[in-house]
Amino acid sequence: MNFKEQILNLVKLQNIDLESTSIKSILSGVSEKFDALDVGLKEFERNIAEKESMISELKKQYRSHESDVQMNLSIIKKNEEKLKFIKTNKEYQSLLKAIDDLNEKNSNKEDEMIECLERIEEAENEIVTKRDEYKQISDDIKNEKEIIKQKSNDGSKKLSRLEKDWRNISKVIESELLKKFIKVKEKAGGVAIAAVNDATCQGCNMNIPPQMYNELQRFDSLKICPHCQRIIYCKET
């Protein structure tokens, strides 16, 4: 295999590396995507739980008011019985006032009970709406997760094929050249080889010396960009 073929195989390795890196990035973000999709559902669940908690508290308040009303009615009934046996006008008026006060308390309690019922009904209607929306969003998220999962599986299979291609191509590259490629790749942020177009390195967009450019076009020796230190090759050729 001549030197030009060796260099072009390095280009293939780099293309595989870049595509593999892209796939790995996508695969590594799958969990985050799932978490992001679940955030919306969790917000609905939290809202529904808050409404249910509020309804429970309102029902407690209603029962408490109801109990107070019943207790007041019992006292009122007893006081009304006592009226039959009152002998003085002062005691009679005092007992009447106590009965009126209890009736007023009951009226206020009943208003509060009505308000509780209205708020309970409103919250229950909101929960019904939220649950309908939750089901729709849940179904949409489930479908989205299936799509992401399928893409993830496809990406994993493609990554496996790329890794196999990388191994096969690397076997036909001279060991020293391959070592140089890997070393440069580690130092240059994952991009070890750059094309040169019109005497300009595409890795750093800097011009290379004219003499080096002339030598580069012959594809007979390894050339390193004097600016970015990447392996370079002549794209025009």
Foldseek 3Di string as FASTA:
>chain_A
DALVVLVVLLVVLLVLLVLLVVLVVLLVCLVVVLVVLCVVLVVLVVLLVVLVVLLVVLVVLLVVLVVLLVVLVVVLVVLVVVLVVDDDPVVNVVSVVSNVVSVVSNVVSVVSNVVSVVSSVVSVVVSVVSVVVSVVSVVVSVVVSVVSVVVNVVSVVVSVVSVVVSVVSVVPHPPVVVVQQVVQCVVQVNRAEFEADPQATPSVRHGADPVVVVVQQVSRDWDAGPPRRHTYHYPVD
